Amino acid sequence: MTNEPVTLAETHPSDIIAFKSELQDAFAVAVADEFGELPDGPIPSDEVLDAAVKAPGAVALRILCGGRKIGGAVVTINEETHHNSLDLFFLKVAEHGRSLGLQAWRAIER
């Protein structure tokens, strides 16, 4: 657990490549933990991630802890209905087990 605040910031276009790579790394670990082996190719694929990030109303967010990039999320915001969705969510593998995911979830809900 950390006393540093968990905050969100919109992902800068120059950071999208790193954002996607970190998300794929986090998902690969989860797949390997669940199924016992690493997948062939990144999960989700670059095409799936590009579609998620470019979808109407989608916003790619960086999850920050004390200003450090610790993860990210893609949310879809519907300004008219206010029915929003969390499409993708990840923490860097090194950040697991520190209650940061819960803090990030609460920041997203706010």
PDB file of N, CA and C in Angstrom:
ATOM      1  N   MET A   1       0.847  -1.179   0.000  1.00  0.00           N
ATOM      2  CA  MET A   1       0.000   0.000   0.000  1.00  0.00           C
ATOM      3  C   MET A   1       0.886   1.233   0.000  1.00  0.00           C
ATOM      4  N   THR A   2       0.425   2.267  -0.658  1.00  0.00           N
ATOM      5  CA  THR A   2       1.202   3.491  -0.758  1.00  0.00           C
ATOM      6  C   THR A   2       0.361   4.668  -0.290  1.00  0.00           C
ATOM      7  N   ASN A   3       1.021   5.694   0.199  1.00  0.00           N
ATOM      8  CA  ASN A   3       0.323   6.907   0.608  1.00  0.00           C
ATOM      9  C   ASN A   3       0.253   7.918  -0.521  1.00  0.00           C
ATOM     10  N   GLU A   4       0.903   7.625  -1.626  1.00  0.00           N
ATOM     11  CA  GLU A   4       0.872   8.538  -2.753  1.00  0.00           C
ATOM     12  C   GLU A   4      -0.490   8.463  -3.433  1.00  0.00           C
ATOM     13  N   PRO A   5      -0.996   9.604  -3.900  1.00  0.00           N
ATOM     14  CA  PRO A   5      -2.322   9.587  -4.525  1.00  0.00           C
ATOM     15  C   PRO A   5      -2.311   8.889  -5.883  1.00  0.00           C
ATOM     16  N   VAL A   6      -3.394   8.168  -6.161  1.00  0.00           N
ATOM     17  CA  VAL A   6      -3.601   7.567  -7.474  1.00  0.00           C
ATOM     18  C   VAL A   6      -4.513   8.513  -8.248  1.00  0.00           C
ATOM     19  N   THR A   7      -4.036   8.944  -9.403  1.00  0.00           N
ATOM     20  CA  THR A   7      -4.767   9.897 -10.224  1.00  0.00           C
ATOM     21  C   THR A   7      -4.841   9.383 -11.659  1.00  0.00           C
ATOM     22  N   LEU A   8      -5.590  10.084 -12.477  1.00  0.00           N
ATOM     23  CA  LEU A   8      -5.750   9.729 -13.884  1.00  0.00           C
ATOM     24  C   LEU A   8      -5.373  10.916 -14.753  1.00  0.00           C
ATOM     25  N   ALA A   9      -4.854  10.622 -15.917  1.00  0.00           N
ATOM     26  CA  ALA A   9      -4.563  11.654 -16.907  1.00  0.00           C
ATOM     27  C   ALA A   9      -4.801  11.062 -18.285  1.00  0.00           C
ATOM     28  N   GLU A  10      -5.330  11.882 -19.173  1.00  0.00           N
ATOM     29  CA  GLU A  10      -5.549  11.403 -20.534  1.00  0.00           C
ATOM     30  C   GLU A  10      -4.191  11.062 -21.158  1.00  0.00           C
ATOM     31  N   THR A  11      -4.141   9.931 -21.851  1.00  0.00           N
ATOM     32  CA  THR A  11      -2.899   9.475 -22.474  1.00  0.00           C
ATOM     33  C   THR A  11      -2.550  10.384 -23.643  1.00  0.00           C
ATOM     34  N   HIS A  12      -1.328  10.852 -23.642  1.00  0.00           N
ATOM     35  CA  HIS A  12      -0.839  11.713 -24.734  1.00  0.00           C
ATOM     36  C   HIS A  12      -0.627  10.847 -25.972  1.00  0.00           C
ATOM     37  N   PRO A  13      -0.931  11.367 -27.162  1.00  0.00           N
ATOM     38  CA  PRO A  13      -0.741  10.568 -28.380  1.00  0.00           C
ATOM     39  C   PRO A  13       0.661   9.966 -28.516  1.00  0.00           C
ATOM     40  N   SER A  14       1.685  10.671 -28.043  1.00  0.00           N
ATOM     41  CA  SER A  14       3.056  10.146 -28.147  1.00  0.00           C
ATOM     42  C   SER A  14       3.295   8.979 -27.185  1.00  0.00           C
ATOM     43  N   ASP A  15       2.359   8.739 -26.259  1.00  0.00           N
ATOM     44  CA  ASP A  15       2.507   7.675 -25.259  1.00  0.00           C
ATOM     45  C   ASP A  15       1.683   6.435 -25.602  1.00  0.00           C
ATOM     46  N   ILE A  16       0.915   6.478 -26.690  1.00  0.00           N
ATOM     47  CA  ILE A  16       0.012   5.369 -27.023  1.00  0.00           C
ATOM     48  C   ILE A  16       0.778   4.063 -27.271  1.00  0.00           C
ATOM     49  N   ILE A  17       1.903   4.113 -27.940  1.00  0.00           N
ATOM     50  CA  ILE A  17       2.667   2.891 -28.223  1.00  0.00           C
ATOM     51  C   ILE A  17       3.110   2.232 -26.917  1.00  0.00           C
ATOM     52  N   ALA A  18       3.652   3.013 -25.983  1.00  0.00           N
ATOM     53  CA  ALA A  18       4.069   2.461 -24.685  1.00  0.00           C
ATOM     54  C   ALA A  18       2.856   1.966 -23.904  1.00  0.00           C
ATOM     55  N   PHE A  19       1.761   2.710 -23.949  1.00  0.00           N
ATOM     56  CA  PHE A  19       0.516   2.326 -23.274  1.00  0.00           C
ATOM     57  C   PHE A  19       0.068   0.949 -23.756  1.00  0.00           C
ATOM     58  N   LYS A  20       0.020   0.754 -25.070  1.00  0.00           N
ATOM     59  CA  LYS A  20      -0.410  -0.522 -25.641  1.00  0.00           C
ATOM     60  C   LYS A  20       0.536  -1.651 -25.244  1.00  0.00           C
ATOM     61  N   SER A  21       1.824  -1.407 -25.298  1.00  0.00           N
ATOM     62  CA  SER A  21       2.819  -2.429 -24.955  1.00  0.00           C
ATOM     63  C   SER A  21       2.701  -2.850 -23.489  1.00  0.00           C
ATOM     64  N   GLU A  22       2.533  -1.880 -22.594  1.00  0.00           N
ATOM     65  CA  GLU A  22       2.387  -2.188 -21.171  1.00  0.00           C
ATOM     66  C   GLU A  22       1.098  -2.965 -20.912  1.00  0.00           C
ATOM     67  N   LEU A  23       0.019  -2.594 -21.589  1.00  0.00           N
ATOM     68  CA  LEU A  23      -1.247  -3.314 -21.449  1.00  0.00           C
ATOM     69  C   LEU A  23      -1.077  -4.756 -21.922  1.00  0.00           C
ATOM     70  N   GLN A  24      -0.446  -4.946 -23.062  1.00  0.00           N
ATOM     71  CA  GLN A  24      -0.235  -6.294 -23.600  1.00  0.00           C
ATOM     72  C   GLN A  24       0.655  -7.118 -22.673  1.00  0.00           C
ATOM     73  N   ASP A  25       1.671  -6.508 -22.083  1.00  0.00           N
ATOM     74  CA  ASP A  25       2.528  -7.226 -21.124  1.00  0.00           C
ATOM     75  C   ASP A  25       1.720  -7.687 -19.913  1.00  0.00           C
ATOM     76  N   ALA A  26       0.882  -6.800 -19.388  1.00  0.00           N
ATOM     77  CA  ALA A  26       0.062  -7.144 -18.222  1.00  0.00           C
ATOM     78  C   ALA A  26      -0.925  -8.255 -18.565  1.00  0.00           C
ATOM     79  N   PHE A  27      -1.549  -8.182 -19.738  1.00  0.00           N
ATOM     80  CA  PHE A  27      -2.505  -9.208 -20.146  1.00  0.00           C
ATOM     81  C   PHE A  27      -1.799 -10.538 -20.384  1.00  0.00           C
ATOM     82  N   ALA A  28      -0.572 -10.518 -20.922  1.00  0.00           N
ATOM     83  CA  ALA A  28       0.171 -11.756 -21.178  1.00  0.00           C
ATOM     84  C   ALA A  28       0.437 -12.502 -19.874  1.00  0.00           C
ATOM     85  N   VAL A  29       0.784 -11.774 -18.825  1.00  0.00           N
ATOM     86  CA  VAL A  29       1.027 -12.402 -17.529  1.00  0.00           C
ATOM     87  C   VAL A  29      -0.258 -13.038 -17.010  1.00  0.00           C
ATOM     88  N   ALA A  30      -1.373 -12.328 -17.158  1.00  0.00           N
ATOM     89  CA  ALA A  30      -2.659 -12.869 -16.694  1.00  0.00           C
ATOM     90  C   ALA A  30      -3.031 -14.134 -17.466  1.00  0.00           C
ATOM     91  N   VAL A  31      -2.802 -14.133 -18.780  1.00  0.00           N
ATOM     92  CA  VAL A  31      -3.110 -15.313 -19.597  1.00  0.00           C
ATOM     93  C   VAL A  31      -2.204 -16.468 -19.198  1.00  0.00           C
ATOM     94  N   ALA A  32      -0.923 -16.200 -19.018  1.00  0.00           N
ATOM     95  CA  ALA A  32       0.012 -17.260 -18.619  1.00  0.00           C
ATOM     96  C   ALA A  32      -0.356 -17.816 -17.247  1.00  0.00           C
ATOM     97  N   ASP A  33      -0.751 -16.952 -16.317  1.00  0.00           N
ATOM     98  CA  ASP A  33      -1.166 -17.418 -14.994  1.00  0.00           C
ATOM     99  C   ASP A  33      -2.402 -18.308 -15.083  1.00  0.00           C
ATOM    100  N   GLU A  34      -3.327 -17.940 -15.947  1.00  0.00           N
ATOM    101  CA  GLU A  34      -4.591 -18.674 -16.061  1.00  0.00           C
ATOM    102  C   GLU A  34      -4.440 -19.974 -16.846  1.00  0.00           C
ATOM    103  N   PHE A  35      -3.672 -19.916 -17.948  1.00  0.00           N
ATOM    104  CA  PHE A  35      -3.613 -21.059 -18.859  1.00  0.00           C
ATOM    105  C   PHE A  35      -2.270 -21.777 -18.867  1.00  0.00           C
ATOM    106  N   GLY A  36      -1.274 -21.251 -18.145  1.00  0.00           N
ATOM    107  CA  GLY A  36      -0.003 -21.935 -18.002  1.00  0.00           C
ATOM    108  C   GLY A  36       0.984 -21.735 -19.125  1.00  0.00           C
ATOM    109  N   GLU A  37       0.666 -20.910 -20.073  1.00  0.00           N
ATOM    110  CA  GLU A  37       1.615 -20.637 -21.153  1.00  0.00           C
ATOM    111  C   GLU A  37       1.370 -19.255 -21.717  1.00  0.00           C
ATOM    112  N   LEU A  38       2.407 -18.725 -22.349  1.00  0.00           N
ATOM    113  CA  LEU A  38       2.273 -17.420 -22.980  1.00  0.00           C
ATOM    114  C   LEU A  38       1.635 -17.586 -24.358  1.00  0.00           C
ATOM    115  N   PRO A  39       0.812 -16.642 -24.729  1.00  0.00           N
ATOM    116  CA  PRO A  39       0.165 -16.716 -26.040  1.00  0.00           C
ATOM    117  C   PRO A  39       1.147 -16.408 -27.165  1.00  0.00           C
ATOM    118  N   ASP A  40       0.789 -16.842 -28.374  1.00  0.00           N
ATOM    119  CA  ASP A  40       1.536 -16.431 -29.562  1.00  0.00           C
ATOM    120  C   ASP A  40       1.011 -15.063 -29.967  1.00  0.00           C
ATOM    121  N   GLY A  41       1.865 -14.088 -29.964  1.00  0.00           N
ATOM    122  CA  GLY A  41       1.450 -12.732 -30.315  1.00  0.00           C
ATOM    123  C   GLY A  41       0.822 -12.019 -29.134  1.00  0.00           C
ATOM    124  N   PRO A  42       0.743 -10.713 -29.238  1.00  0.00           N
ATOM    125  CA  PRO A  42       0.218  -9.923 -28.124  1.00  0.00           C
ATOM    126  C   PRO A  42      -1.284 -10.120 -27.933  1.00  0.00           C
ATOM    127  N   ILE A  43      -1.697 -10.019 -26.672  1.00  0.00           N
ATOM    128  CA  ILE A  43      -3.113 -10.080 -26.311  1.00  0.00           C
ATOM    129  C   ILE A  43      -3.413  -8.856 -25.461  1.00  0.00           C
ATOM    130  N   PRO A  44      -4.402  -8.083 -25.839  1.00  0.00           N
ATOM    131  CA  PRO A  44      -5.121  -8.099 -27.105  1.00  0.00           C
ATOM    132  C   PRO A  44      -4.210  -7.654 -28.243  1.00  0.00           C
ATOM    133  N   SER A  45      -4.626  -7.971 -29.439  1.00  0.00           N
ATOM    134  CA  SER A  45      -3.817  -7.618 -30.610  1.00  0.00           C
ATOM    135  C   SER A  45      -3.758  -6.102 -30.792  1.00  0.00           C
ATOM    136  N   ASP A  46      -2.775  -5.659 -31.545  1.00  0.00           N
ATOM    137  CA  ASP A  46      -2.665  -4.226 -31.849  1.00  0.00           C
ATOM    138  C   ASP A  46      -3.935  -3.718 -32.510  1.00  0.00           C
ATOM    139  N   GLU A  47      -4.535  -4.534 -33.376  1.00  0.00           N
ATOM    140  CA  GLU A  47      -5.752  -4.121 -34.083  1.00  0.00           C
ATOM    141  C   GLU A  47      -6.914  -3.916 -33.103  1.00  0.00           C
ATOM    142  N   VAL A  48      -7.053  -4.816 -32.148  1.00  0.00           N
ATOM    143  CA  VAL A  48      -8.113  -4.695 -31.146  1.00  0.00           C
ATOM    144  C   VAL A  48      -7.883  -3.453 -30.286  1.00  0.00           C
ATOM    145  N   LEU A  49      -6.640  -3.236 -29.876  1.00  0.00           N
ATOM    146  CA  LEU A  49      -6.338  -2.057 -29.056  1.00  0.00           C
ATOM    147  C   LEU A  49      -6.564  -0.766 -29.824  1.00  0.00           C
ATOM    148  N   ASP A  50      -6.130  -0.728 -31.086  1.00  0.00           N
ATOM    149  CA  ASP A  50      -6.340   0.467 -31.895  1.00  0.00           C
ATOM    150  C   ASP A  50      -7.826   0.772 -32.022  1.00  0.00           C
ATOM    151  N   ALA A  51      -8.631  -0.268 -32.244  1.00  0.00           N
ATOM    152  CA  ALA A  51     -10.079  -0.072 -32.369  1.00  0.00           C
ATOM    153  C   ALA A  51     -10.669   0.430 -31.050  1.00  0.00           C
ATOM    154  N   ALA A  52     -10.208  -0.106 -29.925  1.00  0.00           N
ATOM    155  CA  ALA A  52     -10.732   0.324 -28.626  1.00  0.00           C
ATOM    156  C   ALA A  52     -10.389   1.780 -28.343  1.00  0.00           C
ATOM    157  N   VAL A  53      -9.161   2.163 -28.632  1.00  0.00           N
ATOM    158  CA  VAL A  53      -8.706   3.524 -28.350  1.00  0.00           C
ATOM    159  C   VAL A  53      -9.372   4.539 -29.285  1.00  0.00           C
ATOM    160  N   LYS A  54      -9.677   4.127 -30.496  1.00  0.00           N
ATOM    161  CA  LYS A  54     -10.251   5.042 -31.494  1.00  0.00           C
ATOM    162  C   LYS A  54     -11.778   4.981 -31.572  1.00  0.00           C
ATOM    163  N   ALA A  55     -12.408   4.161 -30.734  1.00  0.00           N
ATOM    164  CA  ALA A  55     -13.869   4.024 -30.762  1.00  0.00           C
ATOM    165  C   ALA A  55     -14.532   5.350 -30.376  1.00  0.00           C
ATOM    166  N   PRO A  56     -15.740   5.593 -30.879  1.00  0.00           N
ATOM    167  CA  PRO A  56     -16.450   6.828 -30.512  1.00  0.00           C
ATOM    168  C   PRO A  56     -16.624   6.941 -28.995  1.00  0.00           C
ATOM    169  N   GLY A  57     -16.224   8.059 -28.450  1.00  0.00           N
ATOM    170  CA  GLY A  57     -16.356   8.303 -27.020  1.00  0.00           C
ATOM    171  C   GLY A  57     -15.259   7.697 -26.166  1.00  0.00           C
ATOM    172  N   ALA A  58     -14.327   6.956 -26.780  1.00  0.00           N
ATOM    173  CA  ALA A  58     -13.268   6.296 -26.007  1.00  0.00           C
ATOM    174  C   ALA A  58     -12.223   7.304 -25.540  1.00  0.00           C
ATOM    175  N   VAL A  59     -11.745   7.071 -24.334  1.00  0.00           N
ATOM    176  CA  VAL A  59     -10.682   7.886 -23.761  1.00  0.00           C
ATOM    177  C   VAL A  59      -9.655   6.930 -23.149  1.00  0.00           C
ATOM    178  N   ALA A  60      -8.406   7.058 -23.578  1.00  0.00           N
ATOM    179  CA  ALA A  60      -7.317   6.270 -22.995  1.00  0.00           C
ATOM    180  C   ALA A  60      -6.741   7.074 -21.836  1.00  0.00           C
ATOM    181  N   LEU A  61      -6.739   6.470 -20.668  1.00  0.00           N
ATOM    182  CA  LEU A  61      -6.270   7.139 -19.462  1.00  0.00           C
ATOM    183  C   LEU A  61      -5.025   6.465 -18.916  1.00  0.00           C
ATOM    184  N   ARG A  62      -4.107   7.267 -18.440  1.00  0.00           N
ATOM    185  CA  ARG A  62      -2.960   6.763 -17.695  1.00  0.00           C
ATOM    186  C   ARG A  62      -3.335   6.758 -16.229  1.00  0.00           C
ATOM    187  N   ILE A  63      -3.008   5.677 -15.548  1.00  0.00           N
ATOM    188  CA  ILE A  63      -3.162   5.614 -14.097  1.00  0.00           C
ATOM    189  C   ILE A  63      -1.807   6.000 -13.523  1.00  0.00           C
ATOM    190  N   LEU A  64      -1.822   6.998 -12.661  1.00  0.00           N
ATOM    191  CA  LEU A  64      -0.596   7.538 -12.088  1.00  0.00           C
ATOM    192  C   LEU A  64      -0.613   7.376 -10.572  1.00  0.00           C
ATOM    193  N   CYS A  65       0.540   7.138 -10.003  1.00  0.00           N
ATOM    194  CA  CYS A  65       0.685   7.100  -8.546  1.00  0.00           C
ATOM    195  C   CYS A  65       1.856   8.013  -8.210  1.00  0.00           C
ATOM    196  N   GLY A  66       1.548   9.119  -7.570  1.00  0.00           N
ATOM    197  CA  GLY A  66       2.605  10.086  -7.280  1.00  0.00           C
ATOM    198  C   GLY A  66       3.272  10.595  -8.535  1.00  0.00           C
ATOM    199  N   GLY A  67       2.525  10.629  -9.642  1.00  0.00           N
ATOM    200  CA  GLY A  67       3.058  11.098 -10.918  1.00  0.00           C
ATOM    201  C   GLY A  67       3.701  10.020 -11.770  1.00  0.00           C
ATOM    202  N   ARG A  68       3.937   8.813 -11.210  1.00  0.00           N
ATOM    203  CA  ARG A  68       4.529   7.704 -11.969  1.00  0.00           C
ATOM    204  C   ARG A  68       3.450   6.961 -12.731  1.00  0.00           C
ATOM    205  N   LYS A  69       3.740   6.564 -13.956  1.00  0.00           N
ATOM    206  CA  LYS A  69       2.809   5.769 -14.759  1.00  0.00           C
ATOM    207  C   LYS A  69       2.805   4.337 -14.223  1.00  0.00           C
ATOM    208  N   ILE A  70       1.649   3.910 -13.700  1.00  0.00           N
ATOM    209  CA  ILE A  70       1.566   2.566 -13.130  1.00  0.00           C
ATOM    210  C   ILE A  70       0.580   1.678 -13.877  1.00  0.00           C
ATOM    211  N   GLY A  71      -0.147   2.227 -14.823  1.00  0.00           N
ATOM    212  CA  GLY A  71      -1.121   1.437 -15.559  1.00  0.00           C
ATOM    213  C   GLY A  71      -1.950   2.313 -16.470  1.00  0.00           C
ATOM    214  N   GLY A  72      -3.093   1.766 -16.866  1.00  0.00           N
ATOM    215  CA  GLY A  72      -3.950   2.523 -17.760  1.00  0.00           C
ATOM    216  C   GLY A  72      -5.333   1.914 -17.869  1.00  0.00           C
ATOM    217  N   ALA A  73      -6.184   2.646 -18.536  1.00  0.00           N
ATOM    218  CA  ALA A  73      -7.554   2.207 -18.757  1.00  0.00           C
ATOM    219  C   ALA A  73      -8.070   2.860 -20.027  1.00  0.00           C
ATOM    220  N   VAL A  74      -9.005   2.178 -20.665  1.00  0.00           N
ATOM    221  CA  VAL A  74      -9.755   2.779 -21.767  1.00  0.00           C
ATOM    222  C   VAL A  74     -11.201   2.786 -21.321  1.00  0.00           C
ATOM    223  N   VAL A  75     -11.774   3.967 -21.278  1.00  0.00           N
ATOM    224  CA  VAL A  75     -13.177   4.122 -20.902  1.00  0.00           C
ATOM    225  C   VAL A  75     -13.932   4.723 -22.084  1.00  0.00           C
ATOM    226  N   THR A  76     -15.200   4.388 -22.165  1.00  0.00           N
ATOM    227  CA  THR A  76     -16.067   5.003 -23.166  1.00  0.00           C
ATOM    228  C   THR A  76     -17.065   5.861 -22.420  1.00  0.00           C
ATOM    229  N   ILE A  77     -17.098   7.130 -22.782  1.00  0.00           N
ATOM    230  CA  ILE A  77     -17.941   8.117 -22.127  1.00  0.00           C
ATOM    231  C   ILE A  77     -19.068   8.505 -23.075  1.00  0.00           C
ATOM    232  N   ASN A  78     -20.305   8.360 -22.614  1.00  0.00           N
ATOM    233  CA  ASN A  78     -21.466   8.807 -23.382  1.00  0.00           C
ATOM    234  C   ASN A  78     -21.989  10.062 -22.702  1.00  0.00           C
ATOM    235  N   GLU A  79     -21.683  11.207 -23.289  1.00  0.00           N
ATOM    236  CA  GLU A  79     -22.049  12.496 -22.698  1.00  0.00           C
ATOM    237  C   GLU A  79     -23.562  12.692 -22.611  1.00  0.00           C
ATOM    238  N   GLU A  80     -24.314  12.049 -23.493  1.00  0.00           N
ATOM    239  CA  GLU A  80     -25.772  12.213 -23.505  1.00  0.00           C
ATOM    240  C   GLU A  80     -26.459  11.361 -22.438  1.00  0.00           C
ATOM    241  N   THR A  81     -26.150  10.082 -22.399  1.00  0.00           N
ATOM    242  CA  THR A  81     -26.853   9.169 -21.482  1.00  0.00           C
ATOM    243  C   THR A  81     -26.135   9.002 -20.150  1.00  0.00           C
ATOM    244  N   HIS A  82     -24.858   9.333 -20.118  1.00  0.00           N
ATOM    245  CA  HIS A  82     -24.012   9.123 -18.942  1.00  0.00           C
ATOM    246  C   HIS A  82     -23.906   7.644 -18.570  1.00  0.00           C
ATOM    247  N   HIS A  83     -24.181   6.768 -19.545  1.00  0.00           N
ATOM    248  CA  HIS A  83     -23.922   5.339 -19.388  1.00  0.00           C
ATOM    249  C   HIS A  83     -22.521   5.103 -19.953  1.00  0.00           C
ATOM    250  N   ASN A  84     -21.580   4.954 -19.092  1.00  0.00           N
ATOM    251  CA  ASN A  84     -20.179   4.841 -19.475  1.00  0.00           C
ATOM    252  C   ASN A  84     -19.710   3.413 -19.253  1.00  0.00           C
ATOM    253  N   SER A  85     -18.586   3.058 -19.875  1.00  0.00           N
ATOM    254  CA  SER A  85     -18.073   1.705 -19.703  1.00  0.00           C
ATOM    255  C   SER A  85     -16.558   1.717 -19.542  1.00  0.00           C
ATOM    256  N   LEU A  86     -16.097   0.743 -18.798  1.00  0.00           N
ATOM    257  CA  LEU A  86     -14.664   0.490 -18.659  1.00  0.00           C
ATOM    258  C   LEU A  86     -14.346  -0.627 -19.635  1.00  0.00           C
ATOM    259  N   ASP A  87     -13.600  -0.309 -20.683  1.00  0.00           N
ATOM    260  CA  ASP A  87     -13.333  -1.270 -21.746  1.00  0.00           C
ATOM    261  C   ASP A  87     -12.054  -2.066 -21.510  1.00  0.00           C
ATOM    262  N   LEU A  88     -11.032  -1.422 -21.009  1.00  0.00           N
ATOM    263  CA  LEU A  88      -9.754  -2.079 -20.716  1.00  0.00           C
ATOM    264  C   LEU A  88      -9.184  -1.454 -19.450  1.00  0.00           C
ATOM    265  N   PHE A  89      -8.504  -2.276 -18.667  1.00  0.00           N
ATOM    266  CA  PHE A  89      -7.929  -1.810 -17.410  1.00  0.00           C
ATOM    267  C   PHE A  89      -6.698  -2.658 -17.122  1.00  0.00           C
ATOM    268  N   PHE A  90      -5.599  -2.014 -16.745  1.00  0.00           N
ATOM    269  CA  PHE A  90      -4.400  -2.778 -16.387  1.00  0.00           C
ATOM    270  C   PHE A  90      -3.520  -1.992 -15.433  1.00  0.00           C
ATOM    271  N   LEU A  91      -2.759  -2.737 -14.667  1.00  0.00           N
ATOM    272  CA  LEU A  91      -1.657  -2.196 -13.885  1.00  0.00           C
ATOM    273  C   LEU A  91      -0.392  -2.879 -14.374  1.00  0.00           C
ATOM    274  N   LYS A  92       0.706  -2.150 -14.387  1.00  0.00           N
ATOM    275  CA  LYS A  92       1.977  -2.772 -14.714  1.00  0.00           C
ATOM    276  C   LYS A  92       2.213  -3.909 -13.724  1.00  0.00           C
ATOM    277  N   VAL A  93       2.837  -4.959 -14.187  1.00  0.00           N
ATOM    278  CA  VAL A  93       3.044  -6.156 -13.364  1.00  0.00           C
ATOM    279  C   VAL A  93       3.764  -5.807 -12.057  1.00  0.00           C
ATOM    280  N   ALA A  94       4.731  -4.942 -12.087  1.00  0.00           N
ATOM    281  CA  ALA A  94       5.495  -4.590 -10.890  1.00  0.00           C
ATOM    282  C   ALA A  94       4.660  -3.842  -9.858  1.00  0.00           C
ATOM    283  N   GLU A  95       3.474  -3.392 -10.239  1.00  0.00           N
ATOM    284  CA  GLU A  95       2.632  -2.610  -9.329  1.00  0.00           C
ATOM    285  C   GLU A  95       1.547  -3.453  -8.658  1.00  0.00           C
ATOM    286  N   HIS A  96       1.460  -4.729  -8.973  1.00  0.00           N
ATOM    287  CA  HIS A  96       0.428  -5.590  -8.398  1.00  0.00           C
ATOM    288  C   HIS A  96       0.649  -5.788  -6.906  1.00  0.00           C
ATOM    289  N   GLY A  97      -0.448  -6.020  -6.165  1.00  0.00           N
ATOM    290  CA  GLY A  97      -0.368  -6.363  -4.761  1.00  0.00           C
ATOM    291  C   GLY A  97      -0.164  -5.191  -3.823  1.00  0.00           C
ATOM    292  N   ARG A  98      -0.424  -3.984  -4.278  1.00  0.00           N
ATOM    293  CA  ARG A  98      -0.199  -2.804  -3.448  1.00  0.00           C
ATOM    294  C   ARG A  98      -1.483  -1.998  -3.241  1.00  0.00           C
ATOM    295  N   SER A  99      -2.639  -2.589  -3.560  1.00  0.00           N
ATOM    296  CA  SER A  99      -3.957  -1.933  -3.458  1.00  0.00           C
ATOM    297  C   SER A  99      -4.123  -0.784  -4.440  1.00  0.00           C
ATOM    298  N   LEU A 100      -3.262  -0.707  -5.428  1.00  0.00           N
ATOM    299  CA  LEU A 100      -3.349   0.379  -6.400  1.00  0.00           C
ATOM    300  C   LEU A 100      -4.506   0.182  -7.367  1.00  0.00           C
ATOM    301  N   GLY A 101      -4.845  -1.065  -7.669  1.00  0.00           N
ATOM    302  CA  GLY A 101      -5.958  -1.335  -8.570  1.00  0.00           C
ATOM    303  C   GLY A 101      -7.266  -0.813  -8.007  1.00  0.00           C
ATOM    304  N   LEU A 102      -7.500  -1.040  -6.736  1.00  0.00           N
ATOM    305  CA  LEU A 102      -8.711  -0.547  -6.088  1.00  0.00           C
ATOM    306  C   LEU A 102      -8.729   0.978  -6.084  1.00  0.00           C
ATOM    307  N   GLN A 103      -7.609   1.575  -5.781  1.00  0.00           N
ATOM    308  CA  GLN A 103      -7.535   3.043  -5.793  1.00  0.00           C
ATOM    309  C   GLN A 103      -7.773   3.594  -7.197  1.00  0.00           C
ATOM    310  N   ALA A 104      -7.236   2.903  -8.201  1.00  0.00           N
ATOM    311  CA  ALA A 104      -7.436   3.336  -9.586  1.00  0.00           C
ATOM    312  C   ALA A 104      -8.902   3.203  -9.975  1.00  0.00           C
ATOM    313  N   TRP A 105      -9.523   2.100  -9.587  1.00  0.00           N
ATOM    314  CA  TRP A 105     -10.950   1.876  -9.879  1.00  0.00           C
ATOM    315  C   TRP A 105     -11.787   3.015  -9.288  1.00  0.00           C
ATOM    316  N   ARG A 106     -11.490   3.376  -8.053  1.00  0.00           N
ATOM    317  CA  ARG A 106     -12.231   4.467  -7.405  1.00  0.00           C
ATOM    318  C   ARG A 106     -12.012   5.796  -8.124  1.00  0.00           C
ATOM    319  N   ALA A 107     -10.794   6.033  -8.595  1.00  0.00           N
ATOM    320  CA  ALA A 107     -10.521   7.262  -9.346  1.00  0.00           C
ATOM    321  C   ALA A 107     -11.326   7.286 -10.648  1.00  0.00           C
ATOM    322  N   ILE A 108     -11.413   6.149 -11.305  1.00  0.00           N
ATOM    323  CA  ILE A 108     -12.184   6.061 -12.554  1.00  0.00           C
ATOM    324  C   ILE A 108     -13.668   6.312 -12.263  1.00  0.00           C
ATOM    325  N   GLU A 109     -14.185   5.734 -11.198  1.00  0.00           N
ATOM    326  CA  GLU A 109     -15.589   5.948 -10.859  1.00  0.00           C
ATOM    327  C   GLU A 109     -15.893   7.413 -10.573  1.00  0.00           C
ATOM    328  N   ARG A 110     -14.935   8.117  -9.965  1.00  0.00           N
ATOM    329  CA  ARG A 110     -15.156   9.540  -9.671  1.00  0.00           C
ATOM    330  C   ARG A 110     -15.234  10.325 -10.957  1.00  0.00           C
TER     331      ARG A 110
END
